[in-house]
PDB file of N, CA and C in Angstrom:
ATOM      1  N   MET A   1       2.315 -65.369 -19.787  1.00  0.00           N
ATOM      2  CA  MET A   1       0.992 -65.290 -20.439  1.00  0.00           C
ATOM      3  C   MET A   1       0.633 -63.838 -20.875  1.00  0.00           C
ATOM      4  N   ARG A   2       0.193 -63.483 -21.967  1.00  0.00           N
ATOM      5  CA  ARG A   2       0.083 -62.136 -22.244  1.00  0.00           C
ATOM      6  C   ARG A   2      -1.495 -61.932 -21.929  1.00  0.00           C
ATOM      7  N   THR A   3      -1.705 -60.862 -21.253  1.00  0.00           N
ATOM      8  CA  THR A   3      -3.359 -60.424 -21.197  1.00  0.00           C
ATOM      9  C   THR A   3      -3.581 -59.240 -22.009  1.00  0.00           C
ATOM     10  N   ARG A   4      -4.771 -59.211 -22.464  1.00  0.00           N
ATOM     11  CA  ARG A   4      -5.271 -58.157 -23.328  1.00  0.00           C
ATOM     12  C   ARG A   4      -5.598 -56.882 -22.380  1.00  0.00           C
ATOM     13  N   THR A   5      -5.372 -55.842 -22.888  1.00  0.00           N
ATOM     14  CA  THR A   5      -5.783 -54.483 -22.273  1.00  0.00           C
ATOM     15  C   THR A   5      -7.215 -54.236 -22.677  1.00  0.00           C
ATOM     16  N   PRO A   6      -7.669 -53.427 -21.922  1.00  0.00           N
ATOM     17  CA  PRO A   6      -9.132 -52.946 -22.299  1.00  0.00           C
ATOM     18  C   PRO A   6      -9.317 -52.540 -23.808  1.00  0.00           C
ATOM     19  N   MET A   7      -8.329 -51.619 -24.178  1.00  0.00           N
ATOM     20  CA  MET A   7      -8.263 -51.140 -25.407  1.00  0.00           C
ATOM     21  C   MET A   7      -8.199 -52.218 -26.382  1.00  0.00           C
ATOM     22  N   THR A   8      -7.447 -53.208 -26.239  1.00  0.00           N
ATOM     23  CA  THR A   8      -7.459 -54.271 -27.276  1.00  0.00           C
ATOM     24  C   THR A   8      -8.773 -54.736 -27.509  1.00  0.00           C
ATOM     25  N   GLY A   9      -9.557 -54.981 -26.450  1.00  0.00           N
ATOM     26  CA  GLY A   9     -10.965 -55.628 -26.474  1.00  0.00           C
ATOM     27  C   GLY A   9     -11.880 -54.707 -27.536  1.00  0.00           C
ATOM     28  N   ILE A  10     -11.603 -53.288 -27.075  1.00  0.00           N
ATOM     29  CA  ILE A  10     -12.328 -52.204 -27.815  1.00  0.00           C
ATOM     30  C   ILE A  10     -11.950 -52.268 -29.389  1.00  0.00           C
ATOM     31  N   MET A  11     -10.788 -52.377 -29.625  1.00  0.00           N
ATOM     32  CA  MET A  11     -10.351 -52.265 -30.820  1.00  0.00           C
ATOM     33  C   MET A  11     -10.854 -53.626 -31.709  1.00  0.00           C
ATOM     34  N   LEU A  12     -10.852 -54.826 -30.984  1.00  0.00           N
ATOM     35  CA  LEU A  12     -11.213 -56.102 -31.765  1.00  0.00           C
ATOM     36  C   LEU A  12     -12.760 -55.911 -32.035  1.00  0.00           C
ATOM     37  N   ALA A  13     -13.555 -55.304 -31.034  1.00  0.00           N
ATOM     38  CA  ALA A  13     -14.965 -55.125 -31.232  1.00  0.00           C
ATOM     39  C   ALA A  13     -15.353 -54.217 -32.408  1.00  0.00           C
ATOM     40  N   ALA A  14     -14.493 -53.231 -32.267  1.00  0.00           N
ATOM     41  CA  ALA A  14     -14.686 -52.150 -33.351  1.00  0.00           C
ATOM     42  C   ALA A  14     -14.428 -52.685 -34.729  1.00  0.00           C
ATOM     43  N   LEU A  15     -13.144 -53.633 -34.965  1.00  0.00           N
ATOM     44  CA  LEU A  15     -12.959 -54.141 -36.202  1.00  0.00           C
ATOM     45  C   LEU A  15     -14.054 -55.086 -36.633  1.00  0.00           C
ATOM     46  N   MET A  16     -14.837 -55.791 -35.847  1.00  0.00           N
ATOM     47  CA  MET A  16     -15.801 -56.592 -36.276  1.00  0.00           C
ATOM     48  C   MET A  16     -17.090 -55.807 -36.393  1.00  0.00           C
ATOM     49  N   SER A  17     -17.249 -54.653 -36.054  1.00  0.00           N
ATOM     50  CA  SER A  17     -18.560 -53.809 -36.385  1.00  0.00           C
ATOM     51  C   SER A  17     -18.388 -53.122 -37.405  1.00  0.00           C
ATOM     52  N   LEU A  18     -17.161 -52.981 -38.085  1.00  0.00           N
ATOM     53  CA  LEU A  18     -17.093 -52.097 -39.487  1.00  0.00           C
ATOM     54  C   LEU A  18     -17.391 -53.124 -40.501  1.00  0.00           C
ATOM     55  N   GLY A  19     -18.282 -52.503 -41.549  1.00  0.00           N
ATOM     56  CA  GLY A  19     -18.578 -53.163 -42.574  1.00  0.00           C
ATOM     57  C   GLY A  19     -18.542 -52.180 -43.875  1.00  0.00           C
ATOM     58  N   PRO A  20     -18.386 -52.442 -44.905  1.00  0.00           N
ATOM     59  CA  PRO A  20     -18.269 -51.489 -46.242  1.00  0.00           C
ATOM     60  C   PRO A  20     -19.834 -50.998 -46.363  1.00  0.00           C
ATOM     61  N   GLY A  21     -19.684 -49.645 -46.516  1.00  0.00           N
ATOM     62  CA  GLY A  21     -21.052 -48.995 -46.948  1.00  0.00           C
ATOM     63  C   GLY A  21     -21.879 -48.591 -45.581  1.00  0.00           C
ATOM     64  N   MET A  22     -21.496 -49.279 -44.532  1.00  0.00           N
ATOM     65  CA  MET A  22     -22.207 -48.898 -43.364  1.00  0.00           C
ATOM     66  C   MET A  22     -22.502 -47.468 -43.001  1.00  0.00           C
ATOM     67  N   ALA A  23     -21.560 -46.741 -43.064  1.00  0.00           N
ATOM     68  CA  ALA A  23     -21.521 -45.357 -42.589  1.00  0.00           C
ATOM     69  C   ALA A  23     -22.678 -44.460 -43.208  1.00  0.00           C
ATOM     70  N   HIS A  24     -22.752 -44.534 -44.351  1.00  0.00           N
ATOM     71  CA  HIS A  24     -23.723 -43.668 -44.957  1.00  0.00           C
ATOM     72  C   HIS A  24     -25.062 -44.190 -44.615  1.00  0.00           C
ATOM     73  N   ALA A  25     -25.405 -45.482 -44.639  1.00  0.00           N
ATOM     74  CA  ALA A  25     -26.842 -45.694 -44.447  1.00  0.00           C
ATOM     75  C   ALA A  25     -27.396 -45.541 -43.065  1.00  0.00           C
ATOM     76  N   GLU A  26     -26.492 -45.407 -42.117  1.00  0.00           N
ATOM     77  CA  GLU A  26     -26.765 -45.425 -40.656  1.00  0.00           C
ATOM     78  C   GLU A  26     -26.817 -43.783 -40.105  1.00  0.00           C
ATOM     79  N   VAL A  27     -26.354 -42.903 -40.840  1.00  0.00           N
ATOM     80  CA  VAL A  27     -26.321 -41.437 -40.547  1.00  0.00           C
ATOM     81  C   VAL A  27     -27.417 -40.746 -41.556  1.00  0.00           C
ATOM     82  N   PRO A  28     -28.431 -40.141 -40.794  1.00  0.00           N
ATOM     83  CA  PRO A  28     -29.283 -39.387 -41.519  1.00  0.00           C
ATOM     84  C   PRO A  28     -28.777 -38.124 -42.246  1.00  0.00           C
ATOM     85  N   GLU A  29     -29.341 -37.937 -43.415  1.00  0.00           N
ATOM     86  CA  GLU A  29     -28.722 -36.711 -44.259  1.00  0.00           C
ATOM     87  C   GLU A  29     -28.671 -35.444 -43.415  1.00  0.00           C
ATOM     88  N   THR A  30     -29.647 -35.071 -42.544  1.00  0.00           N
ATOM     89  CA  THR A  30     -29.410 -33.887 -41.654  1.00  0.00           C
ATOM     90  C   THR A  30     -28.369 -33.889 -40.796  1.00  0.00           C
ATOM     91  N   ARG A  31     -27.949 -35.137 -40.084  1.00  0.00           N
ATOM     92  CA  ARG A  31     -26.862 -35.283 -39.302  1.00  0.00           C
ATOM     93  C   ARG A  31     -25.603 -35.266 -40.093  1.00  0.00           C
ATOM     94  N   GLN A  32     -25.682 -35.660 -41.275  1.00  0.00           N
ATOM     95  CA  GLN A  32     -24.321 -35.817 -42.079  1.00  0.00           C
ATOM     96  C   GLN A  32     -24.004 -34.271 -42.281  1.00  0.00           C
ATOM     97  N   ALA A  33     -24.848 -33.427 -42.604  1.00  0.00           N
ATOM     98  CA  ALA A  33     -24.503 -31.918 -42.686  1.00  0.00           C
ATOM     99  C   ALA A  33     -24.061 -31.348 -41.470  1.00  0.00           C
ATOM    100  N   GLU A  34     -24.516 -31.782 -40.365  1.00  0.00           N
ATOM    101  CA  GLU A  34     -24.078 -31.240 -39.102  1.00  0.00           C
ATOM    102  C   GLU A  34     -22.652 -31.836 -38.827  1.00  0.00           C
ATOM    103  N   LEU A  35     -22.504 -32.967 -39.139  1.00  0.00           N
ATOM    104  CA  LEU A  35     -21.190 -33.697 -38.852  1.00  0.00           C
ATOM    105  C   LEU A  35     -20.116 -33.097 -39.819  1.00  0.00           C
ATOM    106  N   MET A  36     -20.567 -32.761 -41.092  1.00  0.00           N
ATOM    107  CA  MET A  36     -19.506 -32.052 -42.042  1.00  0.00           C
ATOM    108  C   MET A  36     -19.146 -30.657 -41.551  1.00  0.00           C
ATOM    109  N   HIS A  37     -20.096 -29.959 -40.967  1.00  0.00           N
ATOM    110  CA  HIS A  37     -19.720 -28.832 -40.389  1.00  0.00           C
ATOM    111  C   HIS A  37     -18.874 -28.902 -39.281  1.00  0.00           C
ATOM    112  N   LEU A  38     -19.164 -29.833 -38.349  1.00  0.00           N
ATOM    113  CA  LEU A  38     -17.988 -30.084 -37.242  1.00  0.00           C
ATOM    114  C   LEU A  38     -16.908 -30.589 -37.868  1.00  0.00           C
ATOM    115  N   LEU A  39     -16.864 -31.244 -38.673  1.00  0.00           N
ATOM    116  CA  LEU A  39     -15.379 -31.631 -39.457  1.00  0.00           C
ATOM    117  C   LEU A  39     -14.684 -30.468 -39.944  1.00  0.00           C
ATOM    118  N   THR A  40     -15.449 -29.531 -40.534  1.00  0.00           N
ATOM    119  CA  THR A  40     -14.720 -28.397 -41.193  1.00  0.00           C
ATOM    120  C   THR A  40     -14.452 -27.470 -40.256  1.00  0.00           C
ATOM    121  N   GLN A  41     -15.337 -27.070 -39.296  1.00  0.00           N
ATOM    122  CA  GLN A  41     -14.986 -26.100 -38.387  1.00  0.00           C
ATOM    123  C   GLN A  41     -14.257 -26.532 -36.896  1.00  0.00           C
ATOM    124  N   ASP A  42     -14.953 -27.479 -36.420  1.00  0.00           N
ATOM    125  CA  ASP A  42     -14.115 -27.734 -35.106  1.00  0.00           C
ATOM    126  C   ASP A  42     -12.784 -28.528 -35.361  1.00  0.00           C
ATOM    127  N   CYS A  43     -12.881 -29.564 -36.242  1.00  0.00           N
ATOM    128  CA  CYS A  43     -11.753 -30.340 -36.603  1.00  0.00           C
ATOM    129  C   CYS A  43     -10.790 -29.402 -37.233  1.00  0.00           C
ATOM    130  N   GLY A  44     -11.079 -28.661 -38.082  1.00  0.00           N
ATOM    131  CA  GLY A  44     -10.477 -27.703 -38.998  1.00  0.00           C
ATOM    132  C   GLY A  44      -9.664 -26.536 -37.959  1.00  0.00           C
ATOM    133  N   SER A  45     -10.185 -26.290 -36.660  1.00  0.00           N
ATOM    134  CA  SER A  45      -9.525 -25.420 -36.023  1.00  0.00           C
ATOM    135  C   SER A  45      -8.162 -25.729 -35.596  1.00  0.00           C
ATOM    136  N   CYS A  46      -7.891 -27.061 -35.483  1.00  0.00           N
ATOM    137  CA  CYS A  46      -6.626 -27.718 -35.120  1.00  0.00           C
ATOM    138  C   CYS A  46      -5.967 -28.255 -36.290  1.00  0.00           C
ATOM    139  N   HIS A  47      -6.765 -29.026 -37.086  1.00  0.00           N
ATOM    140  CA  HIS A  47      -6.189 -29.645 -38.239  1.00  0.00           C
ATOM    141  C   HIS A  47      -6.210 -28.953 -39.598  1.00  0.00           C
ATOM    142  N   GLY A  48      -6.492 -27.694 -39.484  1.00  0.00           N
ATOM    143  CA  GLY A  48      -6.401 -26.834 -40.627  1.00  0.00           C
ATOM    144  C   GLY A  48      -7.861 -26.877 -41.407  1.00  0.00           C
ATOM    145  N   LEU A  49      -8.311 -25.798 -41.960  1.00  0.00           N
ATOM    146  CA  LEU A  49      -9.634 -25.668 -42.736  1.00  0.00           C
ATOM    147  C   LEU A  49      -9.565 -26.565 -43.714  1.00  0.00           C
ATOM    148  N   LYS A  50      -8.371 -26.767 -44.525  1.00  0.00           N
ATOM    149  CA  LYS A  50      -8.361 -27.504 -45.583  1.00  0.00           C
ATOM    150  C   LYS A  50      -7.770 -28.995 -45.255  1.00  0.00           C
ATOM    151  N   ARG A  51      -7.682 -29.185 -43.829  1.00  0.00           N
ATOM    152  CA  ARG A  51      -7.222 -30.498 -43.270  1.00  0.00           C
ATOM    153  C   ARG A  51      -5.686 -30.713 -43.668  1.00  0.00           C
ATOM    154  N   ARG A  52      -4.774 -29.702 -43.859  1.00  0.00           N
ATOM    155  CA  ARG A  52      -3.462 -30.084 -44.267  1.00  0.00           C
ATOM    156  C   ARG A  52      -2.563 -29.961 -43.068  1.00  0.00           C
ATOM    157  N   GLY A  53      -3.208 -29.909 -41.823  1.00  0.00           N
ATOM    158  CA  GLY A  53      -2.466 -29.769 -40.697  1.00  0.00           C
ATOM    159  C   GLY A  53      -2.314 -28.523 -40.064  1.00  0.00           C
ATOM    160  N   GLY A  54      -2.040 -28.390 -38.860  1.00  0.00           N
ATOM    161  CA  GLY A  54      -1.792 -27.139 -38.045  1.00  0.00           C
ATOM    162  C   GLY A  54      -1.394 -27.592 -36.627  1.00  0.00           C
ATOM    163  N   LEU A  55      -2.227 -27.186 -35.560  1.00  0.00           N
ATOM    164  CA  LEU A  55      -1.754 -27.693 -34.409  1.00  0.00           C
ATOM    165  C   LEU A  55      -1.749 -29.246 -34.274  1.00  0.00           C
ATOM    166  N   GLY A  56      -2.795 -29.742 -34.844  1.00  0.00           N
ATOM    167  CA  GLY A  56      -2.879 -31.103 -35.257  1.00  0.00           C
ATOM    168  C   GLY A  56      -2.357 -31.794 -36.572  1.00  0.00           C
ATOM    169  N   PRO A  57      -2.220 -32.917 -36.832  1.00  0.00           N
ATOM    170  CA  PRO A  57      -1.600 -33.479 -38.020  1.00  0.00           C
ATOM    171  C   PRO A  57      -2.670 -33.519 -39.231  1.00  0.00           C
ATOM    172  N   ALA A  58      -2.116 -33.487 -40.432  1.00  0.00           N
ATOM    173  CA  ALA A  58      -2.937 -33.271 -41.626  1.00  0.00           C
ATOM    174  C   ALA A  58      -3.945 -34.674 -41.577  1.00  0.00           C
ATOM    175  N   LEU A  59      -5.032 -34.324 -42.172  1.00  0.00           N
ATOM    176  CA  LEU A  59      -6.131 -35.258 -42.091  1.00  0.00           C
ATOM    177  C   LEU A  59      -6.664 -35.458 -43.520  1.00  0.00           C
ATOM    178  N   THR A  60      -5.646 -35.462 -44.562  1.00  0.00           N
ATOM    179  CA  THR A  60      -5.972 -35.598 -45.902  1.00  0.00           C
ATOM    180  C   THR A  60      -5.909 -37.249 -46.220  1.00  0.00           C
ATOM    181  N   PRO A  61      -6.502 -37.535 -47.379  1.00  0.00           N
ATOM    182  CA  PRO A  61      -6.400 -38.985 -47.526  1.00  0.00           C
ATOM    183  C   PRO A  61      -4.998 -39.484 -47.614  1.00  0.00           C
ATOM    184  N   GLU A  62      -4.078 -38.604 -48.186  1.00  0.00           N
ATOM    185  CA  GLU A  62      -2.818 -39.136 -48.271  1.00  0.00           C
ATOM    186  C   GLU A  62      -2.101 -39.297 -47.042  1.00  0.00           C
ATOM    187  N   ALA A  63      -2.305 -38.195 -46.020  1.00  0.00           N
ATOM    188  CA  ALA A  63      -1.675 -38.451 -44.750  1.00  0.00           C
ATOM    189  C   ALA A  63      -2.223 -39.469 -43.981  1.00  0.00           C
ATOM    190  N   LEU A  64      -3.444 -40.147 -44.393  1.00  0.00           N
ATOM    191  CA  LEU A  64      -4.167 -41.212 -43.511  1.00  0.00           C
ATOM    192  C   LEU A  64      -4.022 -42.450 -44.258  1.00  0.00           C
ATOM    193  N   THR A  65      -3.305 -42.462 -45.483  1.00  0.00           N
ATOM    194  CA  THR A  65      -2.850 -43.776 -45.958  1.00  0.00           C
ATOM    195  C   THR A  65      -2.276 -44.691 -45.105  1.00  0.00           C
ATOM    196  N   GLY A  66      -2.807 -46.021 -45.004  1.00  0.00           N
ATOM    197  CA  GLY A  66      -2.306 -46.994 -44.154  1.00  0.00           C
ATOM    198  C   GLY A  66      -2.674 -46.982 -42.659  1.00  0.00           C
ATOM    199  N   LYS A  67      -3.398 -46.061 -42.230  1.00  0.00           N
ATOM    200  CA  LYS A  67      -4.176 -46.006 -41.032  1.00  0.00           C
ATOM    201  C   LYS A  67      -5.350 -46.668 -41.028  1.00  0.00           C
ATOM    202  N   PRO A  68      -5.427 -47.757 -40.419  1.00  0.00           N
ATOM    203  CA  PRO A  68      -6.678 -48.269 -40.265  1.00  0.00           C
ATOM    204  C   PRO A  68      -7.903 -47.647 -39.869  1.00  0.00           C
ATOM    205  N   ALA A  69      -9.074 -47.466 -40.553  1.00  0.00           N
ATOM    206  CA  ALA A  69     -10.246 -46.833 -40.191  1.00  0.00           C
ATOM    207  C   ALA A  69     -10.748 -47.008 -38.805  1.00  0.00           C
ATOM    208  N   VAL A  70     -10.631 -48.155 -38.303  1.00  0.00           N
ATOM    209  CA  VAL A  70     -10.982 -48.491 -36.936  1.00  0.00           C
ATOM    210  C   VAL A  70     -10.131 -47.611 -35.879  1.00  0.00           C
ATOM    211  N   MET A  71      -8.861 -47.623 -36.094  1.00  0.00           N
ATOM    212  CA  MET A  71      -8.080 -46.854 -35.256  1.00  0.00           C
ATOM    213  C   MET A  71      -8.412 -45.200 -35.267  1.00  0.00           C
ATOM    214  N   LEU A  72      -8.723 -44.738 -36.567  1.00  0.00           N
ATOM    215  CA  LEU A  72      -9.041 -43.438 -36.793  1.00  0.00           C
ATOM    216  C   LEU A  72     -10.513 -43.122 -35.964  1.00  0.00           C
ATOM    217  N   ARG A  73     -11.564 -44.035 -36.109  1.00  0.00           N
ATOM    218  CA  ARG A  73     -12.497 -43.805 -35.225  1.00  0.00           C
ATOM    219  C   ARG A  73     -12.327 -43.714 -33.791  1.00  0.00           C
ATOM    220  N   GLU A  74     -11.525 -44.562 -33.412  1.00  0.00           N
ATOM    221  CA  GLU A  74     -11.251 -44.796 -31.938  1.00  0.00           C
ATOM    222  C   GLU A  74     -10.544 -43.317 -31.370  1.00  0.00           C
ATOM    223  N   VAL A  75      -9.587 -42.981 -32.193  1.00  0.00           N
ATOM    224  CA  VAL A  75      -9.177 -41.575 -31.942  1.00  0.00           C
ATOM    225  C   VAL A  75     -10.094 -40.512 -31.808  1.00  0.00           C
ATOM    226  N   ILE A  76     -11.084 -40.542 -32.772  1.00  0.00           N
ATOM    227  CA  ILE A  76     -12.044 -39.420 -32.919  1.00  0.00           C
ATOM    228  C   ILE A  76     -12.919 -39.634 -31.602  1.00  0.00           C
ATOM    229  N   LEU A  77     -13.394 -40.636 -31.370  1.00  0.00           N
ATOM    230  CA  LEU A  77     -14.341 -41.211 -30.137  1.00  0.00           C
ATOM    231  C   LEU A  77     -13.741 -40.860 -28.709  1.00  0.00           C
ATOM    232  N   HIS A  78     -12.211 -41.069 -28.648  1.00  0.00           N
ATOM    233  CA  HIS A  78     -11.697 -41.261 -27.255  1.00  0.00           C
ATOM    234  C   HIS A  78     -10.431 -40.271 -27.098  1.00  0.00           C
ATOM    235  N   GLY A  79     -10.174 -39.525 -28.250  1.00  0.00           N
ATOM    236  CA  GLY A  79      -9.277 -38.662 -28.260  1.00  0.00           C
ATOM    237  C   GLY A  79      -7.767 -39.351 -28.016  1.00  0.00           C
ATOM    238  N   LEU A  80      -6.756 -38.467 -27.712  1.00  0.00           N
ATOM    239  CA  LEU A  80      -5.367 -38.877 -27.673  1.00  0.00           C
ATOM    240  C   LEU A  80      -4.978 -38.288 -26.379  1.00  0.00           C
ATOM    241  N   PRO A  81      -4.822 -39.216 -25.233  1.00  0.00           N
ATOM    242  CA  PRO A  81      -4.308 -38.601 -23.911  1.00  0.00           C
ATOM    243  C   PRO A  81      -2.845 -38.011 -24.173  1.00  0.00           C
ATOM    244  N   GLY A  82      -2.733 -37.032 -23.569  1.00  0.00           N
ATOM    245  CA  GLY A  82      -1.304 -36.208 -23.502  1.00  0.00           C
ATOM    246  C   GLY A  82      -1.284 -35.399 -24.823  1.00  0.00           C
ATOM    247  N   THR A  83      -2.283 -35.170 -25.694  1.00  0.00           N
ATOM    248  CA  THR A  83      -2.279 -34.429 -26.712  1.00  0.00           C
ATOM    249  C   THR A  83      -3.377 -33.338 -26.519  1.00  0.00           C
ATOM    250  N   ALA A  84      -3.504 -32.553 -27.740  1.00  0.00           N
ATOM    251  CA  ALA A  84      -4.676 -31.543 -27.750  1.00  0.00           C
ATOM    252  C   ALA A  84      -5.953 -32.288 -28.188  1.00  0.00           C
ATOM    253  N   MET A  85      -5.672 -33.530 -28.756  1.00  0.00           N
ATOM    254  CA  MET A  85      -6.897 -34.126 -29.305  1.00  0.00           C
ATOM    255  C   MET A  85      -7.923 -34.621 -28.330  1.00  0.00           C
ATOM    256  N   PRO A  86      -9.100 -33.970 -28.304  1.00  0.00           N
ATOM    257  CA  PRO A  86     -10.033 -34.410 -27.172  1.00  0.00           C
ATOM    258  C   PRO A  86     -11.135 -35.494 -27.814  1.00  0.00           C
ATOM    259  N   PRO A  87     -11.657 -36.258 -26.691  1.00  0.00           N
ATOM    260  CA  PRO A  87     -12.596 -37.185 -27.161  1.00  0.00           C
ATOM    261  C   PRO A  87     -13.862 -36.491 -27.575  1.00  0.00           C
ATOM    262  N   TRP A  88     -14.485 -37.267 -28.741  1.00  0.00           N
ATOM    263  CA  TRP A  88     -15.794 -36.545 -29.115  1.00  0.00           C
ATOM    264  C   TRP A  88     -16.967 -37.482 -28.847  1.00  0.00           C
ATOM    265  N   LYS A  89     -16.791 -38.641 -28.241  1.00  0.00           N
ATOM    266  CA  LYS A  89     -17.675 -39.703 -27.905  1.00  0.00           C
ATOM    267  C   LYS A  89     -19.095 -39.024 -27.281  1.00  0.00           C
ATOM    268  N   ASN A  90     -18.959 -37.906 -26.587  1.00  0.00           N
ATOM    269  CA  ASN A  90     -20.121 -37.273 -26.023  1.00  0.00           C
ATOM    270  C   ASN A  90     -20.936 -36.468 -27.054  1.00  0.00           C
ATOM    271  N   PHE A  91     -20.493 -36.341 -28.281  1.00  0.00           N
ATOM    272  CA  PHE A  91     -20.933 -35.577 -29.230  1.00  0.00           C
ATOM    273  C   PHE A  91     -21.497 -36.357 -30.557  1.00  0.00           C
ATOM    274  N   MET A  92     -21.075 -37.599 -30.541  1.00  0.00           N
ATOM    275  CA  MET A  92     -21.491 -38.380 -31.665  1.00  0.00           C
ATOM    276  C   MET A  92     -21.396 -39.904 -31.211  1.00  0.00           C
ATOM    277  N   SER A  93     -22.157 -40.472 -32.195  1.00  0.00           N
ATOM    278  CA  SER A  93     -22.225 -42.113 -32.235  1.00  0.00           C
ATOM    279  C   SER A  93     -20.974 -42.859 -32.772  1.00  0.00           C
ATOM    280  N   THR A  94     -20.839 -44.074 -32.626  1.00  0.00           N
ATOM    281  CA  THR A  94     -19.898 -44.944 -33.383  1.00  0.00           C
ATOM    282  C   THR A  94     -20.033 -44.747 -34.824  1.00  0.00           C
ATOM    283  N   GLN A  95     -21.430 -44.923 -35.255  1.00  0.00           N
ATOM    284  CA  GLN A  95     -21.834 -44.957 -36.672  1.00  0.00           C
ATOM    285  C   GLN A  95     -21.267 -43.465 -37.196  1.00  0.00           C
ATOM    286  N   GLU A  96     -21.549 -42.410 -36.403  1.00  0.00           N
ATOM    287  CA  GLU A  96     -21.457 -41.042 -36.863  1.00  0.00           C
ATOM    288  C   GLU A  96     -19.591 -40.870 -37.173  1.00  0.00           C
ATOM    289  N   ALA A  97     -18.957 -41.359 -36.138  1.00  0.00           N
ATOM    290  CA  ALA A  97     -17.613 -41.249 -36.184  1.00  0.00           C
ATOM    291  C   ALA A  97     -17.044 -42.160 -37.447  1.00  0.00           C
ATOM    292  N   ASP A  98     -17.560 -43.454 -37.782  1.00  0.00           N
ATOM    293  CA  ASP A  98     -17.314 -44.163 -38.867  1.00  0.00           C
ATOM    294  C   ASP A  98     -17.534 -43.400 -40.146  1.00  0.00           C
ATOM    295  N   TRP A  99     -18.614 -42.605 -40.217  1.00  0.00           N
ATOM    296  CA  TRP A  99     -19.081 -41.633 -41.243  1.00  0.00           C
ATOM    297  C   TRP A  99     -18.029 -40.574 -41.509  1.00  0.00           C
ATOM    298  N   MET A 100     -17.626 -39.939 -40.387  1.00  0.00           N
ATOM    299  CA  MET A 100     -16.442 -39.050 -40.479  1.00  0.00           C
ATOM    300  C   MET A 100     -15.248 -39.543 -41.057  1.00  0.00           C
ATOM    301  N   VAL A 101     -14.871 -40.624 -40.637  1.00  0.00           N
ATOM    302  CA  VAL A 101     -13.572 -41.324 -41.021  1.00  0.00           C
ATOM    303  C   VAL A 101     -13.939 -41.521 -42.583  1.00  0.00           C
ATOM    304  N   GLN A 102     -14.811 -42.111 -43.066  1.00  0.00           N
ATOM    305  CA  GLN A 102     -15.185 -42.348 -44.239  1.00  0.00           C
ATOM    306  C   GLN A 102     -14.964 -41.105 -45.242  1.00  0.00           C
ATOM    307  N   MET A 103     -15.429 -39.926 -44.728  1.00  0.00           N
ATOM    308  CA  MET A 103     -15.287 -38.752 -45.413  1.00  0.00           C
ATOM    309  C   MET A 103     -13.819 -38.294 -45.376  1.00  0.00           C
ATOM    310  N   LEU A 104     -13.027 -38.363 -44.319  1.00  0.00           N
ATOM    311  CA  LEU A 104     -11.771 -38.017 -44.389  1.00  0.00           C
ATOM    312  C   LEU A 104     -10.983 -38.981 -45.278  1.00  0.00           C
ATOM    313  N   LEU A 105     -11.220 -40.178 -45.288  1.00  0.00           N
ATOM    314  CA  LEU A 105     -10.491 -41.077 -46.134  1.00  0.00           C
ATOM    315  C   LEU A 105     -10.731 -40.837 -47.694  1.00  0.00           C
ATOM    316  N   GLU A 106     -11.898 -40.313 -48.004  1.00  0.00           N
ATOM    317  CA  GLU A 106     -12.398 -40.127 -49.343  1.00  0.00           C
ATOM    318  C   GLU A 106     -11.981 -38.515 -49.850  1.00  0.00           C
ATOM    319  N   GLY A 107     -11.581 -37.781 -48.713  1.00  0.00           N
ATOM    320  CA  GLY A 107     -11.340 -36.521 -48.942  1.00  0.00           C
ATOM    321  C   GLY A 107     -12.416 -35.565 -49.193  1.00  0.00           C
ATOM    322  N   ARG A 108     -13.634 -36.175 -48.684  1.00  0.00           N
ATOM    323  CA  ARG A 108     -14.744 -35.184 -48.950  1.00  0.00           C
ATOM    324  C   ARG A 108     -14.800 -33.976 -47.986  1.00  0.00           C
ATOM    325  N   THR A 109     -15.370 -32.911 -48.801  1.00  0.00           N
ATOM    326  CA  THR A 109     -15.467 -31.619 -48.122  1.00  0.00           C
ATOM    327  C   THR A 109     -16.865 -31.136 -48.013  1.00  0.00           C
ATOM    328  N   ASP A 110     -17.834 -32.038 -48.419  1.00  0.00           N
ATOM    329  CA  ASP A 110     -19.056 -31.768 -48.385  1.00  0.00           C
ATOM    330  C   ASP A 110     -19.950 -33.125 -48.065  1.00  0.00           C
ATOM    331  N   ALA A 111     -21.073 -33.061 -47.578  1.00  0.00           N
ATOM    332  CA  ALA A 111     -21.796 -34.353 -47.298  1.00  0.00           C
ATOM    333  C   ALA A 111     -22.399 -34.900 -48.503  1.00  0.00           C
ATOM    334  N   PRO A 112     -22.530 -36.218 -48.638  1.00  0.00           N
ATOM    335  CA  PRO A 112     -22.784 -36.844 -49.876  1.00  0.00           C
ATOM    336  C   PRO A 112     -24.191 -36.490 -50.217  1.00  0.00           C
TER     337      PRO A 112
END
């Protein structure tokens, strides 16, 4: 009999919480500007200022094609153990991470 790992439960809960268009509505405009700055400067320090890759992989819409939004959010929030990708859960909420994923998938470089 297979048992679920804690991460499986997290992923299932995350999948159920995602809904279309939720990210914009739940993140205030002032926070969107802060998150875009973080995305450009902090994420850009490893993924490149134009998100084409560097120490970390590219974060362009093309590079992220086929990657589930929930997986991207979980990587942002919890990092990738054994790599240089740190967890950001102490700096943003789940809704804010969803917003960042949406910006990445849309290729946005400025807040809406």
